[in-house]
Amino acid sequence: MGRSTFEWPRGAEARDTAALELWLAVHGWEVDPTVFMAGGLGPAVQVQPIGAADEDEEPGLLILPGETVEYAQDRMRIAPRPTVAACCGTEQHRAS
């Protein structure tokens, strides 16, 4: 399976959660039902490999509102945000 991404939106609703759960299941991951975090920009979700709740370690990933998750080569990670070049141009005014 190649790379795949999912954007967890700010202000996520039930339909967004359902879409995330479906996308995760395709890759062998699930939402951790024991973790719930609400914030001003919407809910954050903890995800983990399916069946990881039975393990002692915590291999999960916390997804914050507005983040994009990337699945690549059996790993989940937060996708790097594209860099935007800062524009610091100044206008020069000429006296007439």
C-alpha atoms as a PDB file:
ATOM      1  CA  MET A   1       0.000   0.000   0.000  1.00  0.00           C
ATOM      2  CA  GLY A   2       1.359   3.427  -0.883  1.00  0.00           C
ATOM      3  CA  ARG A   3       1.021   6.746   0.827  1.00  0.00           C
ATOM      4  CA  SER A   4      -2.344   8.003   1.853  1.00  0.00           C
ATOM      5  CA  THR A   5      -3.458  11.081   3.780  1.00  0.00           C
ATOM      6  CA  PHE A   6      -6.491  12.175   5.775  1.00  0.00           C
ATOM      7  CA  GLU A   7      -7.188  15.736   6.876  1.00  0.00           C
ATOM      8  CA  TRP A   8      -8.759  15.935  10.351  1.00  0.00           C
ATOM      9  CA  PRO A   9     -10.754  19.168  10.118  1.00  0.00           C
ATOM     10  CA  ARG A  10     -11.187  21.869  12.701  1.00  0.00           C
ATOM     11  CA  GLY A  11     -14.654  21.594  14.215  1.00  0.00           C
ATOM     12  CA  ALA A  12     -14.943  17.915  13.241  1.00  0.00           C
ATOM     13  CA  GLU A  13     -18.420  16.400  13.458  1.00  0.00           C
ATOM     14  CA  ALA A  14     -19.818  12.855  13.599  1.00  0.00           C
ATOM     15  CA  ARG A  15     -19.522  12.396   9.811  1.00  0.00           C
ATOM     16  CA  ASP A  16     -15.836  13.380   9.986  1.00  0.00           C
ATOM     17  CA  THR A  17     -15.269  10.813  12.732  1.00  0.00           C
ATOM     18  CA  ALA A  18     -16.996   8.125  10.655  1.00  0.00           C
ATOM     19  CA  ALA A  19     -14.836   8.981   7.634  1.00  0.00           C
ATOM     20  CA  LEU A  20     -11.675   8.871   9.773  1.00  0.00           C
ATOM     21  CA  GLU A  21     -12.644   5.504  11.267  1.00  0.00           C
ATOM     22  CA  LEU A  22     -13.190   4.046   7.792  1.00  0.00           C
ATOM     23  CA  TRP A  23      -9.876   5.437   6.499  1.00  0.00           C
ATOM     24  CA  LEU A  24      -8.027   4.116   9.551  1.00  0.00           C
ATOM     25  CA  ALA A  25      -9.592   0.645   9.259  1.00  0.00           C
ATOM     26  CA  VAL A  26      -8.304   0.294   5.695  1.00  0.00           C
ATOM     27  CA  HIS A  27      -4.789   0.760   7.104  1.00  0.00           C
ATOM     28  CA  GLY A  28      -5.236  -1.455  10.185  1.00  0.00           C
ATOM     29  CA  TRP A  29      -5.702   1.387  12.674  1.00  0.00           C
ATOM     30  CA  GLU A  30      -8.586   2.568  14.871  1.00  0.00           C
ATOM     31  CA  VAL A  31      -9.683   5.481  17.056  1.00  0.00           C
ATOM     32  CA  ASP A  32      -8.829   4.824  20.710  1.00  0.00           C
ATOM     33  CA  PRO A  33     -12.261   4.960  22.405  1.00  0.00           C
ATOM     34  CA  THR A  34     -10.730   5.566  25.848  1.00  0.00           C
ATOM     35  CA  VAL A  35      -9.300   8.976  24.921  1.00  0.00           C
ATOM     36  CA  PHE A  36     -11.440  12.051  24.289  1.00  0.00           C
ATOM     37  CA  MET A  37     -10.135  15.599  24.116  1.00  0.00           C
ATOM     38  CA  ALA A  38     -12.235  18.625  23.278  1.00  0.00           C
ATOM     39  CA  GLY A  39     -10.814  22.013  22.459  1.00  0.00           C
ATOM     40  CA  GLY A  40     -11.755  25.364  21.049  1.00  0.00           C
ATOM     41  CA  LEU A  41     -10.919  24.242  17.499  1.00  0.00           C
ATOM     42  CA  GLY A  42     -12.739  20.912  17.800  1.00  0.00           C
ATOM     43  CA  PRO A  43     -11.961  17.444  19.095  1.00  0.00           C
ATOM     44  CA  ALA A  44      -8.563  15.804  19.028  1.00  0.00           C
ATOM     45  CA  VAL A  45      -8.441  12.038  18.499  1.00  0.00           C
ATOM     46  CA  GLN A  46      -5.996   9.378  19.609  1.00  0.00           C
ATOM     47  CA  VAL A  47      -5.484   6.609  17.055  1.00  0.00           C
ATOM     48  CA  GLN A  48      -3.702   3.281  17.403  1.00  0.00           C
ATOM     49  CA  PRO A  49      -3.094   0.070  15.499  1.00  0.00           C
ATOM     50  CA  ILE A  50      -6.099  -2.267  15.746  1.00  0.00           C
ATOM     51  CA  GLY A  51      -5.688  -4.417  18.846  1.00  0.00           C
ATOM     52  CA  ALA A  52      -3.079  -2.152  20.434  1.00  0.00           C
ATOM     53  CA  ALA A  53      -5.335  -1.555  23.454  1.00  0.00           C
ATOM     54  CA  ASP A  54      -4.282  -5.001  24.695  1.00  0.00           C
ATOM     55  CA  GLU A  55      -0.591  -4.046  24.715  1.00  0.00           C
ATOM     56  CA  ASP A  56       1.288  -2.332  27.558  1.00  0.00           C
ATOM     57  CA  GLU A  57       2.981   0.312  25.444  1.00  0.00           C
ATOM     58  CA  GLU A  58       1.232   3.237  23.780  1.00  0.00           C
ATOM     59  CA  PRO A  59       2.027   3.172  20.042  1.00  0.00           C
ATOM     60  CA  GLY A  60      -0.769   5.604  19.221  1.00  0.00           C
ATOM     61  CA  LEU A  61      -0.814   9.005  17.600  1.00  0.00           C
ATOM     62  CA  LEU A  62      -2.686  12.108  18.750  1.00  0.00           C
ATOM     63  CA  ILE A  63      -4.323  14.028  15.895  1.00  0.00           C
ATOM     64  CA  LEU A  64      -5.161  17.662  16.606  1.00  0.00           C
ATOM     65  CA  PRO A  65      -7.794  19.704  14.745  1.00  0.00           C
ATOM     66  CA  GLY A  66      -6.518  20.916  11.380  1.00  0.00           C
ATOM     67  CA  GLU A  67      -3.740  18.330  11.104  1.00  0.00           C
ATOM     68  CA  THR A  68      -3.244  15.974   8.182  1.00  0.00           C
ATOM     69  CA  VAL A  69      -2.344  12.380   8.957  1.00  0.00           C
ATOM     70  CA  GLU A  70      -0.175  10.383   6.594  1.00  0.00           C
ATOM     71  CA  TYR A  71      -0.024   6.597   6.324  1.00  0.00           C
ATOM     72  CA  ALA A  72       3.129   5.268   4.693  1.00  0.00           C
ATOM     73  CA  GLN A  73       4.785   1.878   4.957  1.00  0.00           C
ATOM     74  CA  ASP A  74       2.792   0.658   7.988  1.00  0.00           C
ATOM     75  CA  ARG A  75       3.267   3.918   9.913  1.00  0.00           C
ATOM     76  CA  MET A  76       0.969   6.766  10.827  1.00  0.00           C
ATOM     77  CA  ARG A  77       2.404  10.212  11.319  1.00  0.00           C
ATOM     78  CA  ILE A  78       1.397  13.832  11.160  1.00  0.00           C
ATOM     79  CA  ALA A  79       2.118  15.028   7.631  1.00  0.00           C
ATOM     80  CA  PRO A  80       4.515  17.941   7.403  1.00  0.00           C
ATOM     81  CA  ARG A  81       2.819  21.212   6.622  1.00  0.00           C
ATOM     82  CA  PRO A  82       3.835  22.844   3.379  1.00  0.00           C
ATOM     83  CA  THR A  83       6.224  25.681   3.952  1.00  0.00           C
ATOM     84  CA  VAL A  84       5.148  29.093   2.837  1.00  0.00           C
ATOM     85  CA  ALA A  85       7.823  31.565   1.894  1.00  0.00           C
ATOM     86  CA  ALA A  86       7.523  34.747   3.879  1.00  0.00           C
ATOM     87  CA  CYS A  87       7.212  37.841   1.791  1.00  0.00           C
ATOM     88  CA  CYS A  88       8.786  40.866   3.380  1.00  0.00           C
ATOM     89  CA  GLY A  89       8.731  43.219   0.442  1.00  0.00           C
ATOM     90  CA  THR A  90       8.435  46.908   1.124  1.00  0.00           C
ATOM     91  CA  GLU A  91       6.947  49.518  -1.081  1.00  0.00           C
ATOM     92  CA  GLN A  92       9.152  52.418  -1.848  1.00  0.00           C
ATOM     93  CA  HIS A  93       7.418  55.729  -2.274  1.00  0.00           C
ATOM     94  CA  ARG A  94       9.027  58.397  -4.379  1.00  0.00           C
ATOM     95  CA  ALA A  95       8.498  62.051  -3.708  1.00  0.00           C
ATOM     96  CA  SER A  96       7.281  63.906  -6.752  1.00  0.00           C
END
